[in-house]
Amino acid sequence: MQEQEVEVSFCDLCGTSVPAGDIDAQLAVLHQGKTIGGCCLHALRGAAPATDDAMSAANSMPGAALKAPASVSGGSASASVGRDSSRMLTVAIVMMIAFAGGVMFLESRLSRLENASDKAADAAAIRQASDSVALQALSVKADGFAGRADVADLGLKQTELANAVATLADDGMQRQKILEQEVGGLRTQVNETMAKIVDYRPLFEDLRQRQTRALAAVEGLRSEVAAVPVSAPPGPGAAPAISEPVIDLPSELADQVRKLSAADPAVRFEAVDVLAESKNLKVLPYMLPLAKDPDAFVRRLTVEGLREFRQPEAVDALLAALLDEDENVCDTAWRSLRDLTGQKFKFEASASKDARGRAAQAWQDWWAKARATFGK
């Protein structure tokens, strides 16, 4: 007996084998090339109850031809099975359509996402290229910048330099103070030296005028008749004679002391100059009378030289010389008093005789109190 071949299909929902007899017996459904076996058809029928619209849709599909013929026995049961199959088929179709729509929606969504991702990637690549160029330019510029170590080293050197500058400034201040002190001392010495310097220009001018007058007198004598007697102008008073013997002095100073009584004022002037330069106290008694010498030049040189002898007798002679007739002698006597005593009483040699007398009295009042202790 020959074996009969059995045609077998598979359920498109679960993959279970479906015999061709199940399709003929309405136990499985074949619709639009899709096979739904009894394994899934019962579940579909229970999940989606049939409605009139679903039934109408099912009847309008080609699968409506799958309904059982009226000639089959048990017509009511067959009709019920046909309706269930139509409902299941409708649900399956709807699910498939929904699944296909979802797949198409997802494919469209994925396509848009891919396009957006491609655009974002392109934009990111462009930005990355731009950033790379900017970073490269910044790196080139930064190559010339100092690093942290260089900046720290530079700060340390700056601190050391600031300390060195501060040290130099302090040293400069100290040197400046010392220099100011030295300059002040030098200025004081210069002032003292200037105060001691005697201006001989008025003396020379006076001498020149005397010589001019003498020459004029000589010329006048020559023009007059030789027979007419001419009385000579009175000469200067006699120089004070040396009343004390010259003793206990070096020979050169003793010779100069003897010259103090010479008739020539120039000889006396030279002798006073040498004796004052010696600063020997033993010549002071011989010099004091010359403060009243008839010649103004000798008197002025004498009062100038007395500043070198810190003795009360020298101060007495200088105070007397403040009232001398010659303005230059008065001024020199006042400067010698300031240097010898350290007092700063004002005195104006060119003032009137009364003003000079009042200024000299101020010196006399001070000297009356200070003479007893002066030079001791």
Protein backbone atom coordinates (compact mmCIF):
# COMPACT_ATOMS: atom_id res chain seq x y z
CA MET A 1 0.00 0.00 0.00
CA GLN A 2 1.46 3.34 -1.10
CA GLU A 3 2.16 6.00 1.49
CA GLN A 4 0.34 9.24 0.92
CA GLU A 5 2.39 12.57 1.06
CA VAL A 6 1.22 15.11 3.62
CA GLU A 7 1.71 18.88 2.89
CA VAL A 8 2.90 20.77 5.97
CA SER A 9 3.04 24.58 6.52
CA PHE A 10 4.31 26.61 9.46
CA CYS A 11 2.56 29.21 11.53
CA ASP A 12 3.92 32.68 10.74
CA LEU A 13 3.30 33.78 14.36
CA CYS A 14 4.94 31.04 16.40
CA GLY A 15 6.64 28.83 13.75
CA THR A 16 4.67 25.64 14.70
CA SER A 17 3.99 23.13 11.86
CA VAL A 18 0.49 23.30 10.44
CA PRO A 19 -0.79 20.31 8.35
CA ALA A 20 -2.72 21.13 5.21
CA GLY A 21 -5.69 19.25 6.62
CA ASP A 22 -5.98 21.81 9.42
CA ILE A 23 -6.47 24.52 6.84
CA ASP A 24 -9.18 22.51 5.05
CA ALA A 25 -10.81 21.76 8.41
CA GLN A 26 -10.75 25.49 9.34
CA LEU A 27 -8.45 24.68 12.24
CA ALA A 28 -5.83 26.99 10.65
CA VAL A 29 -6.23 30.09 8.52
CA LEU A 30 -4.43 31.06 5.30
CA HIS A 31 -4.72 34.77 4.47
CA GLN A 32 -2.69 36.86 2.00
CA GLY A 33 0.09 34.32 1.99
CA LYS A 34 0.28 34.22 5.80
CA THR A 35 -0.44 31.04 7.76
CA ILE A 36 -1.85 31.18 11.27
CA GLY A 37 -1.99 27.79 12.95
CA GLY A 38 -4.44 26.47 15.50
CA CYS A 39 -1.80 27.04 18.12
CA CYS A 40 -2.21 30.80 17.80
CA LEU A 41 -5.69 31.01 16.34
CA HIS A 42 -7.41 30.04 19.59
CA ALA A 43 -5.51 32.68 21.51
CA LEU A 44 -6.35 35.31 18.92
CA ARG A 45 -10.00 34.42 19.01
CA GLY A 46 -10.13 34.72 22.82
CA ALA A 47 -8.20 38.08 22.87
CA ALA A 48 -10.27 39.87 20.22
CA PRO A 49 -14.05 39.22 20.29
CA ALA A 50 -15.69 39.71 16.97
CA THR A 51 -17.73 42.77 16.10
CA ASP A 52 -20.09 43.46 13.25
CA ASP A 53 -17.55 45.79 11.61
CA ALA A 54 -14.78 43.24 12.03
CA MET A 55 -17.00 40.55 10.64
CA SER A 56 -17.90 42.72 7.69
CA ALA A 57 -14.24 43.42 7.07
CA ALA A 58 -13.45 39.78 7.38
CA ASN A 59 -16.25 38.83 4.99
CA SER A 60 -15.04 41.40 2.48
CA MET A 61 -11.56 39.86 2.39
CA PRO A 62 -10.70 36.98 0.13
CA GLY A 63 -10.56 34.75 3.15
CA ALA A 64 -14.31 34.83 3.32
CA ALA A 65 -14.30 31.96 0.94
CA LEU A 66 -12.92 29.86 3.71
CA LYS A 67 -16.29 29.76 5.47
CA ALA A 68 -17.87 26.32 5.73
CA PRO A 69 -20.51 25.40 3.00
CA ALA A 70 -24.12 25.25 4.01
CA SER A 71 -24.30 21.65 2.97
CA VAL A 72 -22.00 20.64 5.81
CA SER A 73 -23.81 19.08 8.68
CA GLY A 74 -24.03 21.01 11.91
CA GLY A 75 -24.48 24.43 10.22
CA SER A 76 -24.57 26.50 13.40
CA ALA A 77 -21.26 25.15 14.67
CA SER A 78 -19.59 25.80 11.35
CA ALA A 79 -20.88 29.36 11.27
CA SER A 80 -19.49 29.97 14.77
CA VAL A 81 -16.08 28.64 13.79
CA GLY A 82 -16.07 30.81 10.65
CA ARG A 83 -16.84 33.93 12.65
CA ASP A 84 -14.05 33.18 15.13
CA SER A 85 -11.61 32.61 12.30
CA SER A 86 -12.62 35.89 10.67
CA ARG A 87 -12.13 37.78 13.94
CA MET A 88 -8.73 36.23 14.49
CA LEU A 89 -7.73 37.00 10.95
CA THR A 90 -8.79 40.62 11.35
CA VAL A 91 -6.84 41.00 14.58
CA ALA A 92 -3.83 39.42 12.97
CA ILE A 93 -4.04 41.72 9.99
CA VAL A 94 -4.42 44.75 12.22
CA MET A 95 -1.47 43.67 14.31
CA MET A 96 0.62 43.08 11.23
CA ILE A 97 -0.34 46.44 9.79
CA ALA A 98 0.49 48.09 13.12
CA PHE A 99 3.74 46.21 13.28
CA ALA A 100 4.62 47.21 9.72
CA GLY A 101 3.67 50.84 10.47
CA GLY A 102 5.80 50.77 13.62
CA VAL A 103 8.69 49.32 11.66
CA MET A 104 8.33 51.99 8.98
CA PHE A 105 8.06 54.71 11.67
CA LEU A 106 11.15 53.38 13.41
CA GLU A 107 13.01 53.17 10.10
CA SER A 108 12.05 56.78 9.29
CA ARG A 109 13.01 57.88 12.80
CA LEU A 110 16.31 56.06 12.57
CA SER A 111 16.95 57.59 9.15
CA ARG A 112 16.32 61.10 10.50
CA LEU A 113 18.51 60.36 13.51
CA GLU A 114 21.28 59.10 11.24
CA ASN A 115 21.04 62.25 9.11
CA ALA A 116 21.10 64.46 12.20
CA SER A 117 23.99 62.45 13.62
CA ASP A 118 25.89 62.79 10.32
CA LYS A 119 25.29 66.55 10.30
CA ALA A 120 26.32 66.85 13.96
CA ALA A 121 29.44 64.79 13.22
CA ASP A 122 30.28 67.04 10.27
CA ALA A 123 29.75 70.17 12.38
CA ALA A 124 31.84 68.67 15.19
CA ALA A 125 34.58 67.84 12.71
CA ILE A 126 34.51 71.43 11.41
CA ARG A 127 34.61 72.81 14.95
CA GLN A 128 37.36 70.39 15.86
CA ALA A 129 39.40 71.50 12.87
CA SER A 130 38.83 75.16 13.78
CA ASP A 131 39.74 74.47 17.41
CA SER A 132 42.82 72.60 16.28
CA VAL A 133 43.95 75.58 14.20
CA ALA A 134 43.27 77.96 17.12
CA LEU A 135 45.09 75.66 19.56
CA GLN A 136 48.03 75.40 17.18
CA ALA A 137 48.21 79.19 16.88
CA LEU A 138 47.92 79.50 20.67
CA SER A 139 50.65 76.91 21.10
CA VAL A 140 52.91 78.89 18.74
CA LYS A 141 52.24 82.05 20.73
CA ALA A 142 52.68 80.26 24.03
CA ASP A 143 56.11 79.02 22.99
CA GLY A 144 57.47 82.49 23.68
CA PHE A 145 55.79 82.76 27.10
CA ALA A 146 57.66 82.00 30.27
CA GLY A 147 56.68 78.97 32.24
CA ARG A 148 55.89 78.84 35.93
CA ALA A 149 59.49 78.02 36.79
CA ASP A 150 60.71 80.99 34.74
CA VAL A 151 58.17 83.30 36.37
CA ALA A 152 59.17 82.08 39.84
CA ASP A 153 62.86 82.56 39.04
CA LEU A 154 62.10 86.03 37.69
CA GLY A 155 60.16 86.90 40.86
CA LEU A 156 63.08 85.74 43.01
CA LYS A 157 65.51 87.84 41.01
CA GLN A 158 63.16 90.82 41.27
CA THR A 159 63.03 90.40 45.05
CA GLU A 160 66.82 90.23 45.23
CA LEU A 161 67.09 93.31 43.04
CA ALA A 162 64.59 95.19 45.24
CA ASN A 163 66.61 94.26 48.35
CA ALA A 164 69.82 95.40 46.67
CA VAL A 165 68.18 98.70 45.66
CA ALA A 166 66.93 99.22 49.23
CA THR A 167 70.42 98.52 50.57
CA LEU A 168 71.91 100.96 48.09
CA ALA A 169 69.31 103.55 49.05
CA ASP A 170 70.15 103.17 52.75
CA ASP A 171 73.86 103.37 51.99
CA GLY A 172 73.22 106.43 49.84
CA MET A 173 71.29 108.09 52.66
CA GLN A 174 74.12 107.42 55.10
CA ARG A 175 76.68 108.75 52.64
CA GLN A 176 74.53 111.79 51.99
CA LYS A 177 74.30 112.53 55.70
CA ILE A 178 78.06 112.19 56.08
CA LEU A 179 78.59 114.39 53.03
CA GLU A 180 76.18 117.00 54.39
CA GLN A 181 78.05 117.01 57.68
CA GLU A 182 81.39 117.38 55.89
CA VAL A 183 79.99 120.13 53.67
CA GLY A 184 78.59 121.89 56.74
CA GLY A 185 81.96 121.72 58.47
CA LEU A 186 83.70 122.93 55.31
CA ARG A 187 81.21 125.77 54.98
CA THR A 188 81.88 126.76 58.58
CA GLN A 189 85.62 126.72 57.97
CA VAL A 190 85.19 128.78 54.81
CA ASN A 191 83.07 131.33 56.70
CA GLU A 192 85.65 131.51 59.45
CA THR A 193 88.43 131.91 56.91
CA MET A 194 86.49 134.57 55.02
CA ALA A 195 85.93 136.41 58.28
CA LYS A 196 89.67 136.39 58.96
CA ILE A 197 90.59 137.61 55.51
CA VAL A 198 91.36 141.29 55.49
CA ASP A 199 90.38 143.25 52.46
CA TYR A 200 93.44 145.35 51.63
CA ARG A 201 91.82 147.02 48.68
CA PRO A 202 90.69 150.08 50.69
CA LEU A 203 94.22 150.38 52.08
CA PHE A 204 95.73 150.23 48.64
CA GLU A 205 93.20 152.73 47.36
CA ASP A 206 94.06 155.06 50.23
CA LEU A 207 97.76 154.62 49.45
CA ARG A 208 97.16 155.32 45.78
CA GLN A 209 95.27 158.51 46.63
CA ARG A 210 98.07 159.59 48.93
CA GLN A 211 100.59 158.95 46.18
CA THR A 212 98.48 160.92 43.73
CA ARG A 213 98.27 163.82 46.12
CA ALA A 214 102.03 163.64 46.72
CA LEU A 215 102.74 163.68 42.99
CA ALA A 216 100.39 166.63 42.55
CA ALA A 217 102.16 168.45 45.34
CA VAL A 218 105.53 167.73 43.74
CA GLU A 219 104.33 169.04 40.39
CA GLY A 220 102.97 172.14 42.11
CA LEU A 221 106.30 172.76 43.79
CA ARG A 222 108.09 172.50 40.49
CA SER A 223 105.82 175.11 38.90
CA GLU A 224 106.20 177.63 41.65
CA VAL A 225 108.96 180.16 41.85
CA ALA A 226 112.01 178.63 43.52
CA ALA A 227 112.43 181.72 45.69
CA VAL A 228 109.01 181.34 47.27
CA PRO A 229 109.26 179.18 50.41
CA VAL A 230 106.83 176.29 50.56
CA SER A 231 105.79 174.78 53.86
CA ALA A 232 105.76 171.01 53.82
CA PRO A 233 102.57 169.26 54.95
CA PRO A 234 102.70 167.89 58.42
CA GLY A 235 103.85 164.30 58.48
CA PRO A 236 102.44 161.49 60.56
CA GLY A 237 103.01 161.50 64.25
CA ALA A 238 106.05 159.90 65.64
CA ALA A 239 105.95 156.17 66.09
CA PRO A 240 105.79 155.02 69.70
CA ALA A 241 109.22 154.32 71.04
CA ILE A 242 110.08 150.97 72.50
CA SER A 243 110.34 151.74 76.25
CA GLU A 244 111.18 148.21 77.36
CA PRO A 245 114.38 146.36 76.44
CA VAL A 246 113.97 143.48 74.08
CA ILE A 247 114.77 140.39 76.08
CA ASP A 248 114.01 136.70 75.96
CA LEU A 249 113.09 136.72 72.28
CA PRO A 250 114.63 134.98 69.30
CA SER A 251 117.01 137.21 67.41
CA GLU A 252 114.77 137.50 64.34
CA LEU A 253 111.78 138.57 66.45
CA ALA A 254 113.96 140.94 68.47
CA ASP A 255 115.04 142.62 65.22
CA GLN A 256 111.40 143.05 64.20
CA VAL A 257 110.52 144.53 67.59
CA ARG A 258 113.24 147.15 67.11
CA LYS A 259 111.76 148.07 63.73
CA LEU A 260 108.44 148.98 65.39
CA SER A 261 109.92 152.40 66.31
CA ALA A 262 111.15 153.14 62.77
CA ALA A 263 110.09 156.41 61.19
CA ASP A 264 109.02 154.72 57.95
CA PRO A 265 105.42 153.33 58.19
CA ALA A 266 106.30 150.63 55.66
CA VAL A 267 109.03 149.28 57.99
CA ARG A 268 106.64 149.26 60.92
CA PHE A 269 103.97 147.56 58.77
CA GLU A 270 106.38 144.76 57.81
CA ALA A 271 107.52 144.30 61.43
CA VAL A 272 103.91 144.02 62.71
CA ASP A 273 103.13 141.44 60.04
CA VAL A 274 106.08 139.23 61.04
CA LEU A 275 105.35 139.51 64.78
CA ALA A 276 101.65 138.66 64.32
CA GLU A 277 102.53 135.60 62.22
CA SER A 278 104.82 134.31 64.98
CA LYS A 279 101.91 134.12 67.49
CA ASN A 280 104.49 134.38 70.26
CA LEU A 281 102.87 135.84 73.39
CA LYS A 282 106.11 137.59 74.31
CA VAL A 283 105.75 140.01 71.35
CA LEU A 284 102.22 141.10 72.42
CA PRO A 285 103.39 143.93 74.74
CA TYR A 286 105.42 145.39 71.84
CA MET A 287 102.50 145.17 69.39
CA LEU A 288 99.78 146.75 71.57
CA PRO A 289 101.05 150.37 71.16
CA LEU A 290 100.88 149.97 67.36
CA ALA A 291 97.05 149.77 67.61
CA LYS A 292 97.29 153.58 67.97
CA ASP A 293 99.98 154.07 65.32
CA PRO A 294 99.73 157.33 63.30
CA ASP A 295 99.45 155.31 60.07
CA ALA A 296 96.03 153.74 59.39
CA PHE A 297 97.61 150.84 57.51
CA VAL A 298 99.76 149.91 60.50
CA ARG A 299 96.82 150.27 62.89
CA ARG A 300 94.62 148.04 60.76
CA LEU A 301 97.29 145.35 60.42
CA THR A 302 97.89 145.50 64.18
CA VAL A 303 94.21 144.99 65.16
CA GLU A 304 94.02 142.18 62.63
CA GLY A 305 97.06 140.45 64.16
CA LEU A 306 95.74 140.77 67.74
CA ARG A 307 93.10 138.09 67.03
CA GLU A 308 95.93 135.53 67.31
CA PHE A 309 96.57 136.39 71.00
CA ARG A 310 93.89 135.27 73.42
CA GLN A 311 94.78 137.69 76.19
CA PRO A 312 92.76 140.38 78.00
CA GLU A 313 95.21 143.05 76.86
CA ALA A 314 94.48 142.23 73.23
CA VAL A 315 90.72 142.58 73.84
CA ASP A 316 91.28 145.95 75.54
CA ALA A 317 93.15 147.23 72.49
CA LEU A 318 90.50 145.95 70.10
CA LEU A 319 87.64 147.54 72.07
CA ALA A 320 89.47 150.86 71.89
CA ALA A 321 89.95 150.43 68.14
CA LEU A 322 86.15 150.23 67.64
CA LEU A 323 86.16 154.04 67.99
CA ASP A 324 89.06 154.62 65.55
CA GLU A 325 88.70 157.43 63.02
CA ASP A 326 89.34 155.08 60.09
CA GLU A 327 86.35 152.99 59.04
CA ASN A 328 88.53 150.11 57.88
CA VAL A 329 90.32 149.96 61.25
CA CYS A 330 86.95 149.87 63.08
CA ASP A 331 85.60 147.07 60.90
CA THR A 332 88.78 144.98 61.25
CA ALA A 333 88.77 145.46 65.04
CA TRP A 334 85.14 144.25 65.23
CA ARG A 335 85.91 141.10 63.15
CA SER A 336 88.94 140.35 65.33
CA LEU A 337 86.79 140.67 68.46
CA ARG A 338 84.27 138.18 67.12
CA ASP A 339 86.97 135.64 66.31
CA LEU A 340 88.82 136.17 69.59
CA THR A 341 85.84 136.17 71.98
CA GLY A 342 83.17 134.21 70.09
CA GLN A 343 80.62 136.96 70.77
CA LYS A 344 78.24 138.10 68.02
CA PHE A 345 77.45 141.69 69.01
CA LYS A 346 76.46 143.72 65.95
CA PHE A 347 78.64 146.58 64.79
CA GLU A 348 78.43 148.73 61.67
CA ALA A 349 81.71 150.48 60.87
CA SER A 350 80.04 152.78 58.34
CA ALA A 351 77.42 154.00 60.84
CA SER A 352 77.49 157.37 62.54
CA LYS A 353 79.84 158.07 65.41
CA ASP A 354 77.02 157.89 67.95
CA ALA A 355 75.77 154.54 66.55
CA ARG A 356 79.27 153.12 66.67
CA GLY A 357 79.61 154.38 70.23
CA ARG A 358 76.40 152.57 71.30
CA ALA A 359 77.54 149.35 69.63
CA ALA A 360 80.98 149.66 71.27
CA GLN A 361 79.28 150.20 74.64
CA ALA A 362 77.50 146.83 74.28
CA TRP A 363 80.91 145.24 73.89
CA GLN A 364 82.26 147.19 76.86
CA ASP A 365 79.36 146.06 79.08
CA TRP A 366 79.98 142.44 78.22
CA TRP A 367 83.73 142.82 78.69
CA ALA A 368 83.31 144.32 82.16
CA LYS A 369 81.81 141.00 83.30
CA ALA A 370 83.97 138.65 81.25
CA ARG A 371 87.44 140.14 81.58
CA ALA A 372 88.23 138.53 84.91
CA THR A 373 87.87 134.98 83.54
CA PHE A 374 88.89 135.53 79.93
CA GLY A 375 91.77 133.38 78.75
CA LYS A 376 91.90 131.28 81.91
